[in-house]
PDB file of N, CA and C in Angstrom:
ATOM      1  N   MET A   1     103.363 144.698  -3.812  1.00  0.00           N
ATOM      2  CA  MET A   1     103.351 143.249  -3.886  1.00  0.00           C
ATOM      3  C   MET A   1     102.218 142.688  -3.038  1.00  0.00           C
ATOM      4  N   SER A   2     101.500 141.834  -3.649  1.00  0.00           N
ATOM      5  CA  SER A   2     100.393 141.183  -2.979  1.00  0.00           C
ATOM      6  C   SER A   2     100.858 139.812  -2.512  1.00  0.00           C
ATOM      7  N   SER A   3     100.420 139.419  -1.352  1.00  0.00           N
ATOM      8  CA  SER A   3     100.837 138.112  -0.841  1.00  0.00           C
ATOM      9  C   SER A   3      99.718 137.107  -1.012  1.00  0.00           C
ATOM     10  N   ASP A   4     100.088 135.836  -1.029  1.00  0.00           N
ATOM     11  CA  ASP A   4      99.111 134.769  -1.179  1.00  0.00           C
ATOM     12  C   ASP A   4      98.432 134.450   0.154  1.00  0.00           C
ATOM     13  N   LYS A   5      99.090 134.765   1.253  1.00  0.00           N
ATOM     14  CA  LYS A   5      98.554 134.435   2.573  1.00  0.00           C
ATOM     15  C   LYS A   5      97.724 135.606   3.096  1.00  0.00           C
ATOM     16  N   PRO A   6      96.508 135.352   3.515  1.00  0.00           N
ATOM     17  CA  PRO A   6      95.694 136.440   4.051  1.00  0.00           C
ATOM     18  C   PRO A   6      96.237 136.897   5.400  1.00  0.00           C
ATOM     19  N   GLY A   7      96.234 138.210   5.617  1.00  0.00           N
ATOM     20  CA  GLY A   7      96.681 138.768   6.883  1.00  0.00           C
ATOM     21  C   GLY A   7      98.169 138.885   7.025  1.00  0.00           C
ATOM     22  N   GLU A   8      98.924 138.644   5.941  1.00  0.00           N
ATOM     23  CA  GLU A   8     100.380 138.732   6.053  1.00  0.00           C
ATOM     24  C   GLU A   8     100.813 140.172   6.266  1.00  0.00           C
ATOM     25  N   ASP A   9     100.095 141.117   5.645  1.00  0.00           N
ATOM     26  CA  ASP A   9     100.424 142.525   5.833  1.00  0.00           C
ATOM     27  C   ASP A   9     100.213 142.939   7.287  1.00  0.00           C
ATOM     28  N   ALA A  10      99.297 142.314   7.972  1.00  0.00           N
ATOM     29  CA  ALA A  10      99.027 142.624   9.372  1.00  0.00           C
ATOM     30  C   ALA A  10      99.971 141.861  10.289  1.00  0.00           C
ATOM     31  N   GLY A  11     100.914 141.149   9.701  1.00  0.00           N
ATOM     32  CA  GLY A  11     101.833 140.349  10.507  1.00  0.00           C
ATOM     33  C   GLY A  11     102.656 141.182  11.457  1.00  0.00           C
ATOM     34  N   VAL A  12     103.063 142.363  11.067  1.00  0.00           N
ATOM     35  CA  VAL A  12     103.872 143.214  11.934  1.00  0.00           C
ATOM     36  C   VAL A  12     103.060 143.637  13.146  1.00  0.00           C
ATOM     37  N   SER A  13     101.842 144.123  12.912  1.00  0.00           N
ATOM     38  CA  SER A  13     101.021 144.534  14.046  1.00  0.00           C
ATOM     39  C   SER A  13     100.587 143.309  14.857  1.00  0.00           C
ATOM     40  N   GLY A  14     100.347 142.204  14.184  1.00  0.00           N
ATOM     41  CA  GLY A  14     100.003 140.977  14.888  1.00  0.00           C
ATOM     42  C   GLY A  14     101.144 140.503  15.757  1.00  0.00           C
ATOM     43  N   PHE A  15     102.370 140.664  15.259  1.00  0.00           N
ATOM     44  CA  PHE A  15     103.545 140.276  16.031  1.00  0.00           C
ATOM     45  C   PHE A  15     103.667 141.136  17.277  1.00  0.00           C
ATOM     46  N   GLU A  16     103.407 142.423  17.135  1.00  0.00           N
ATOM     47  CA  GLU A  16     103.487 143.322  18.284  1.00  0.00           C
ATOM     48  C   GLU A  16     102.436 142.965  19.328  1.00  0.00           C
ATOM     49  N   SER A  17     101.219 142.678  18.890  1.00  0.00           N
ATOM     50  CA  SER A  17     100.170 142.354  19.853  1.00  0.00           C
ATOM     51  C   SER A  17     100.446 141.013  20.527  1.00  0.00           C
ATOM     52  N   GLU A  18     101.055 140.078  19.786  1.00  0.00           N
ATOM     53  CA  GLU A  18     101.412 138.798  20.400  1.00  0.00           C
ATOM     54  C   GLU A  18     102.465 139.001  21.475  1.00  0.00           C
ATOM     55  N   GLU A  19     103.362 139.947  21.256  1.00  0.00           N
ATOM     56  CA  GLU A  19     104.418 140.182  22.222  1.00  0.00           C
ATOM     57  C   GLU A  19     103.892 140.913  23.452  1.00  0.00           C
ATOM     58  N   THR A  20     102.971 141.831  23.277  1.00  0.00           N
ATOM     59  CA  THR A  20     102.427 142.551  24.427  1.00  0.00           C
ATOM     60  C   THR A  20     101.494 141.672  25.241  1.00  0.00           C
ATOM     61  N   GLU A  21     100.803 140.750  24.597  1.00  0.00           N
ATOM     62  CA  GLU A  21      99.934 139.843  25.327  1.00  0.00           C
ATOM     63  C   GLU A  21     100.716 138.997  26.321  1.00  0.00           C
ATOM     64  N   PRO A  22     101.782 138.319  25.906  1.00  0.00           N
ATOM     65  CA  PRO A  22     102.556 137.554  26.876  1.00  0.00           C
ATOM     66  C   PRO A  22     103.173 138.449  27.957  1.00  0.00           C
ATOM     67  N   ASP A  23     103.541 139.691  27.603  1.00  0.00           N
ATOM     68  CA  ASP A  23     104.092 140.591  28.613  1.00  0.00           C
ATOM     69  C   ASP A  23     103.054 140.901  29.679  1.00  0.00           C
ATOM     70  N   SER A  24     101.834 141.175  29.260  1.00  0.00           N
ATOM     71  CA  SER A  24     100.790 141.459  30.247  1.00  0.00           C
ATOM     72  C   SER A  24     100.450 140.199  31.036  1.00  0.00           C
ATOM     73  N   GLU A  25     100.494 139.057  30.366  1.00  0.00           N
ATOM     74  CA  GLU A  25     100.249 137.794  31.064  1.00  0.00           C
ATOM     75  C   GLU A  25     101.365 137.529  32.068  1.00  0.00           C
ATOM     76  N   LEU A  26     102.592 137.836  31.671  1.00  0.00           N
ATOM     77  CA  LEU A  26     103.732 137.658  32.560  1.00  0.00           C
ATOM     78  C   LEU A  26     103.617 138.576  33.772  1.00  0.00           C
ATOM     79  N   GLU A  27     103.222 139.822  33.546  1.00  0.00           N
ATOM     80  CA  GLU A  27     103.041 140.755  34.658  1.00  0.00           C
ATOM     81  C   GLU A  27     101.943 140.271  35.602  1.00  0.00           C
ATOM     82  N   GLU A  28     100.885 139.722  35.023  1.00  0.00           N
ATOM     83  CA  GLU A  28      99.789 139.196  35.834  1.00  0.00           C
ATOM     84  C   GLU A  28     100.263 138.013  36.678  1.00  0.00           C
ATOM     85  N   LEU A  29     101.046 137.133  36.080  1.00  0.00           N
ATOM     86  CA  LEU A  29     101.581 135.981  36.814  1.00  0.00           C
ATOM     87  C   LEU A  29     102.540 136.427  37.913  1.00  0.00           C
ATOM     88  N   GLU A  30     103.371 137.432  37.617  1.00  0.00           N
ATOM     89  CA  GLU A  30     104.287 137.951  38.633  1.00  0.00           C
ATOM     90  C   GLU A  30     103.515 138.538  39.805  1.00  0.00           C
ATOM     91  N   LEU A  31     102.430 139.232  39.522  1.00  0.00           N
ATOM     92  CA  LEU A  31     101.592 139.795  40.575  1.00  0.00           C
ATOM     93  C   LEU A  31     100.987 138.687  41.429  1.00  0.00           C
ATOM     94  N   GLU A  32     100.512 137.617  40.789  1.00  0.00           N
ATOM     95  CA  GLU A  32      99.956 136.479  41.525  1.00  0.00           C
ATOM     96  C   GLU A  32     101.011 135.833  42.418  1.00  0.00           C
ATOM     97  N   VAL A  33     102.235 135.708  41.903  1.00  0.00           N
ATOM     98  CA  VAL A  33     103.320 135.110  42.688  1.00  0.00           C
ATOM     99  C   VAL A  33     103.627 135.979  43.905  1.00  0.00           C
ATOM    100  N   GLN A  34     103.653 137.289  43.713  1.00  0.00           N
ATOM    101  CA  GLN A  34     103.906 138.196  44.833  1.00  0.00           C
ATOM    102  C   GLN A  34     102.801 138.087  45.882  1.00  0.00           C
ATOM    103  N   GLN A  35     101.560 137.987  45.433  1.00  0.00           N
ATOM    104  CA  GLN A  35     100.448 137.847  46.373  1.00  0.00           C
ATOM    105  C   GLN A  35     100.534 136.528  47.130  1.00  0.00           C
ATOM    106  N   MET A  36     100.907 135.457  46.433  1.00  0.00           N
ATOM    107  CA  MET A  36     101.078 134.160  47.096  1.00  0.00           C
ATOM    108  C   MET A  36     102.192 134.224  48.131  1.00  0.00           C
ATOM    109  N   ALA A  37     103.289 134.882  47.786  1.00  0.00           N
ATOM    110  CA  ALA A  37     104.412 135.012  48.715  1.00  0.00           C
ATOM    111  C   ALA A  37     103.986 135.774  49.963  1.00  0.00           C
ATOM    112  N   GLN A  38     103.181 136.812  49.794  1.00  0.00           N
ATOM    113  CA  GLN A  38     102.696 137.566  50.949  1.00  0.00           C
ATOM    114  C   GLN A  38     101.784 136.708  51.814  1.00  0.00           C
ATOM    115  N   ARG A  39     100.925 135.907  51.175  1.00  0.00           N
ATOM    116  CA  ARG A  39     100.052 135.016  51.942  1.00  0.00           C
ATOM    117  C   ARG A  39     100.862 133.981  52.708  1.00  0.00           C
ATOM    118  N   ILE A  40     101.894 133.436  52.074  1.00  0.00           N
ATOM    119  CA  ILE A  40     102.738 132.440  52.734  1.00  0.00           C
ATOM    120  C   ILE A  40     103.426 133.052  53.946  1.00  0.00           C
ATOM    121  N   LEU A  41     103.965 134.256  53.799  1.00  0.00           N
ATOM    122  CA  LEU A  41     104.598 134.933  54.933  1.00  0.00           C
ATOM    123  C   LEU A  41     103.594 135.170  56.055  1.00  0.00           C
ATOM    124  N   HIS A  42     102.388 135.558  55.689  1.00  0.00           N
ATOM    125  CA  HIS A  42     101.347 135.786  56.699  1.00  0.00           C
ATOM    126  C   HIS A  42     101.031 134.482  57.433  1.00  0.00           C
ATOM    127  N   TYR A  43     100.846 133.393  56.682  1.00  0.00           N
ATOM    128  CA  TYR A  43     100.536 132.107  57.302  1.00  0.00           C
ATOM    129  C   TYR A  43     101.682 131.619  58.179  1.00  0.00           C
ATOM    130  N   ARG A  44     102.910 131.816  57.724  1.00  0.00           N
ATOM    131  CA  ARG A  44     104.058 131.391  58.534  1.00  0.00           C
ATOM    132  C   ARG A  44     104.112 132.138  59.854  1.00  0.00           C
ATOM    133  N   SER A  45     103.729 133.400  59.843  1.00  0.00           N
ATOM    134  CA  SER A  45     103.805 134.184  61.074  1.00  0.00           C
ATOM    135  C   SER A  45     102.624 133.918  62.000  1.00  0.00           C
ATOM    136  N   THR A  46     101.475 133.523  61.467  1.00  0.00           N
ATOM    137  CA  THR A  46     100.295 133.338  62.312  1.00  0.00           C
ATOM    138  C   THR A  46      99.975 131.879  62.621  1.00  0.00           C
ATOM    139  N   MET A  47     100.363 130.966  61.778  1.00  0.00           N
ATOM    140  CA  MET A  47      99.977 129.569  61.971  1.00  0.00           C
ATOM    141  C   MET A  47     100.580 128.964  63.233  1.00  0.00           C
ATOM    142  N   TRP A  48     101.822 129.321  63.565  1.00  0.00           N
ATOM    143  CA  TRP A  48     102.451 128.746  64.750  1.00  0.00           C
ATOM    144  C   TRP A  48     101.655 129.114  65.995  1.00  0.00           C
ATOM    145  N   ALA A  49     101.239 130.375  66.097  1.00  0.00           N
ATOM    146  CA  ALA A  49     100.458 130.809  67.254  1.00  0.00           C
ATOM    147  C   ALA A  49      99.113 130.082  67.304  1.00  0.00           C
ATOM    148  N   GLU A  50      98.480 129.892  66.152  1.00  0.00           N
ATOM    149  CA  GLU A  50      97.197 129.193  66.114  1.00  0.00           C
ATOM    150  C   GLU A  50      97.352 127.720  66.486  1.00  0.00           C
ATOM    151  N   ILE A  51      98.401 127.083  65.996  1.00  0.00           N
ATOM    152  CA  ILE A  51      98.647 125.673  66.326  1.00  0.00           C
ATOM    153  C   ILE A  51      98.929 125.530  67.818  1.00  0.00           C
ATOM    154  N   LYS A  52      99.741 126.422  68.363  1.00  0.00           N
ATOM    155  CA  LYS A  52     100.076 126.386  69.786  1.00  0.00           C
ATOM    156  C   LYS A  52      98.821 126.572  70.631  1.00  0.00           C
ATOM    157  N   SER A  53      97.985 127.527  70.256  1.00  0.00           N
ATOM    158  CA  SER A  53      96.746 127.781  70.987  1.00  0.00           C
ATOM    159  C   SER A  53      95.815 126.571  70.930  1.00  0.00           C
ATOM    160  N   SER A  54      95.673 125.981  69.756  1.00  0.00           N
ATOM    161  CA  SER A  54      94.811 124.806  69.599  1.00  0.00           C
ATOM    162  C   SER A  54      95.343 123.628  70.403  1.00  0.00           C
ATOM    163  N   PHE A  55      96.646 123.443  70.385  1.00  0.00           N
ATOM    164  CA  PHE A  55      97.251 122.336  71.118  1.00  0.00           C
ATOM    165  C   PHE A  55      97.057 122.520  72.621  1.00  0.00           C
ATOM    166  N   CYS A  56      97.252 123.745  73.110  1.00  0.00           N
ATOM    167  CA  CYS A  56      97.050 124.018  74.539  1.00  0.00           C
ATOM    168  C   CYS A  56      95.593 123.783  74.932  1.00  0.00           C
ATOM    169  N   SER A  57      94.671 124.209  74.092  1.00  0.00           N
ATOM    170  CA  SER A  57      93.249 123.988  74.373  1.00  0.00           C
ATOM    171  C   SER A  57      92.927 122.500  74.405  1.00  0.00           C
ATOM    172  N   LEU A  58      93.507 121.754  73.495  1.00  0.00           N
ATOM    173  CA  LEU A  58      93.288 120.313  73.458  1.00  0.00           C
ATOM    174  C   LEU A  58      93.821 119.654  74.726  1.00  0.00           C
ATOM    175  N   LEU A  59      95.008 120.055  75.155  1.00  0.00           N
ATOM    176  CA  LEU A  59      95.573 119.489  76.378  1.00  0.00           C
ATOM    177  C   LEU A  59      94.730 119.846  77.596  1.00  0.00           C
ATOM    178  N   GLU A  60      94.273 121.084  77.669  1.00  0.00           N
ATOM    179  CA  GLU A  60      93.457 121.505  78.807  1.00  0.00           C
ATOM    180  C   GLU A  60      92.127 120.766  78.837  1.00  0.00           C
ATOM    181  N   SER A  61      91.547 120.511  77.688  1.00  0.00           N
ATOM    182  CA  SER A  61      90.255 119.824  77.655  1.00  0.00           C
ATOM    183  C   SER A  61      90.384 118.345  77.996  1.00  0.00           C
ATOM    184  N   SER A  62      91.536 117.760  77.782  1.00  0.00           N
ATOM    185  CA  SER A  62      91.711 116.343  78.079  1.00  0.00           C
ATOM    186  C   SER A  62      92.330 116.106  79.453  1.00  0.00           C
ATOM    187  N   ARG A  63      92.688 117.167  80.147  1.00  0.00           N
ATOM    188  CA  ARG A  63      93.279 117.047  81.479  1.00  0.00           C
ATOM    189  C   ARG A  63      92.189 116.655  82.473  1.00  0.00           C
ATOM    190  N   PRO A  64      92.433 115.648  83.333  1.00  0.00           N
ATOM    191  CA  PRO A  64      91.423 115.254  84.320  1.00  0.00           C
ATOM    192  C   PRO A  64      91.271 116.343  85.388  1.00  0.00           C
ATOM    193  N   LEU A  65      90.052 116.488  85.869  1.00  0.00           N
ATOM    194  CA  LEU A  65      89.787 117.470  86.911  1.00  0.00           C
ATOM    195  C   LEU A  65      90.272 116.940  88.249  1.00  0.00           C
ATOM    196  N   ALA A  66      90.922 117.770  89.025  1.00  0.00           N
ATOM    197  CA  ALA A  66      91.385 117.389  90.356  1.00  0.00           C
ATOM    198  C   ALA A  66      90.291 117.734  91.354  1.00  0.00           C
ATOM    199  N   ILE A  67      89.692 116.712  91.977  1.00  0.00           N
ATOM    200  CA  ILE A  67      88.619 116.930  92.950  1.00  0.00           C
ATOM    201  C   ILE A  67      89.220 117.323  94.291  1.00  0.00           C
ATOM    202  N   ALA A  68      90.219 116.610  94.726  1.00  0.00           N
ATOM    203  CA  ALA A  68      90.853 116.895  96.012  1.00  0.00           C
ATOM    204  C   ALA A  68      92.120 117.688  95.771  1.00  0.00           C
ATOM    205  N   SER A  69      92.306 118.722  96.566  1.00  0.00           N
ATOM    206  CA  SER A  69      93.486 119.545  96.373  1.00  0.00           C
ATOM    207  C   SER A  69      94.575 119.240  97.386  1.00  0.00           C
ATOM    208  N   GLU A  70      94.282 118.371  98.373  1.00  0.00           N
ATOM    209  CA  GLU A  70      95.289 118.034  99.371  1.00  0.00           C
ATOM    210  C   GLU A  70      96.250 116.993  98.808  1.00  0.00           C
ATOM    211  N   PRO A  71      97.534 117.133  99.121  1.00  0.00           N
ATOM    212  CA  PRO A  71      98.493 116.134  98.629  1.00  0.00           C
ATOM    213  C   PRO A  71      98.246 114.780  99.283  1.00  0.00           C
ATOM    214  N   GLY A  72      98.430 113.750  98.522  1.00  0.00           N
ATOM    215  CA  GLY A  72      98.280 112.398  99.037  1.00  0.00           C
ATOM    216  C   GLY A  72      96.880 111.846  98.883  1.00  0.00           C
ATOM    217  N   ILE A  73      95.923 112.661  98.544  1.00  0.00           N
ATOM    218  CA  ILE A  73      94.560 112.188  98.353  1.00  0.00           C
ATOM    219  C   ILE A  73      94.340 111.991  96.858  1.00  0.00           C
ATOM    220  N   SER A  74      93.815 110.850  96.523  1.00  0.00           N
ATOM    221  CA  SER A  74      93.574 110.540  95.123  1.00  0.00           C
ATOM    222  C   SER A  74      92.445 111.416  94.580  1.00  0.00           C
ATOM    223  N   ALA A  75      92.584 111.846  93.357  1.00  0.00           N
ATOM    224  CA  ALA A  75      91.557 112.670  92.729  1.00  0.00           C
ATOM    225  C   ALA A  75      90.411 111.820  92.210  1.00  0.00           C
ATOM    226  N   ARG A  76      90.614 110.520  92.105  1.00  0.00           N
ATOM    227  CA  ARG A  76      89.576 109.628  91.596  1.00  0.00           C
ATOM    228  C   ARG A  76      89.025 108.779  92.745  1.00  0.00           C
ATOM    229  N   PRO A  77      87.712 108.655  92.817  1.00  0.00           N
ATOM    230  CA  PRO A  77      87.134 107.819  93.877  1.00  0.00           C
ATOM    231  C   PRO A  77      87.426 106.343  93.623  1.00  0.00           C
ATOM    232  N   TYR A  78      87.496 105.566  94.690  1.00  0.00           N
ATOM    233  CA  TYR A  78      87.704 104.131  94.542  1.00  0.00           C
ATOM    234  C   TYR A  78      86.795 103.407  95.528  1.00  0.00           C
ATOM    235  N   HIS A  79      86.525 102.151  95.223  1.00  0.00           N
ATOM    236  CA  HIS A  79      85.650 101.333  96.056  1.00  0.00           C
ATOM    237  C   HIS A  79      86.495 100.567  97.058  1.00  0.00           C
ATOM    238  N   GLU A  80      86.024 100.597  98.323  1.00  0.00           N
ATOM    239  CA  GLU A  80      86.676  99.787  99.349  1.00  0.00           C
ATOM    240  C   GLU A  80      85.564  99.185 100.201  1.00  0.00           C
ATOM    241  N   GLY A  81      85.295  97.945  99.991  1.00  0.00           N
ATOM    242  CA  GLY A  81      84.245  97.266 100.741  1.00  0.00           C
ATOM    243  C   GLY A  81      82.864  97.840 100.459  1.00  0.00           C
ATOM    244  N   GLY A  82      82.636  98.274  99.237  1.00  0.00           N
ATOM    245  CA  GLY A  82      81.321  98.788  98.874  1.00  0.00           C
ATOM    246  C   GLY A  82      81.149 100.269  99.177  1.00  0.00           C
ATOM    247  N   ILE A  83      82.122 100.866  99.863  1.00  0.00           N
ATOM    248  CA  ILE A  83      82.025 102.290 100.189  1.00  0.00           C
ATOM    249  C   ILE A  83      82.923 103.062  99.229  1.00  0.00           C
ATOM    250  N   ILE A  84      82.373 104.108  98.697  1.00  0.00           N
ATOM    251  CA  ILE A  84      83.173 104.945  97.803  1.00  0.00           C
ATOM    252  C   ILE A  84      83.919 105.967  98.642  1.00  0.00           C
ATOM    253  N   ARG A  85      85.223 105.969  98.508  1.00  0.00           N
ATOM    254  CA  ARG A  85      86.053 106.912  99.259  1.00  0.00           C
ATOM    255  C   ARG A  85      86.796 107.810  98.291  1.00  0.00           C
ATOM    256  N   LEU A  86      87.005 109.019  98.720  1.00  0.00           N
ATOM    257  CA  LEU A  86      87.770 109.978  97.930  1.00  0.00           C
ATOM    258  C   LEU A  86      89.184 110.053  98.418  1.00  0.00           C
TER     259      LEU A  86
END
């Protein structure tokens, strides 16, 4: 029997290739998801340490320098009658 539609005889093999294509695409997507999950786990474990380190560095850089180490002496100079005192 001859069919009116071209390629109908190849429909069985075409159906098989259509099914294997999505399977390979699905496997590829699953692999990508697994890789993303591994990256997320890596970032979760390392990002906190990086944020903490950056925050500590920021605090240290904005901390005023203490010129005088004796208690009761101001670390910032002030003017008193035109004389700068520490």
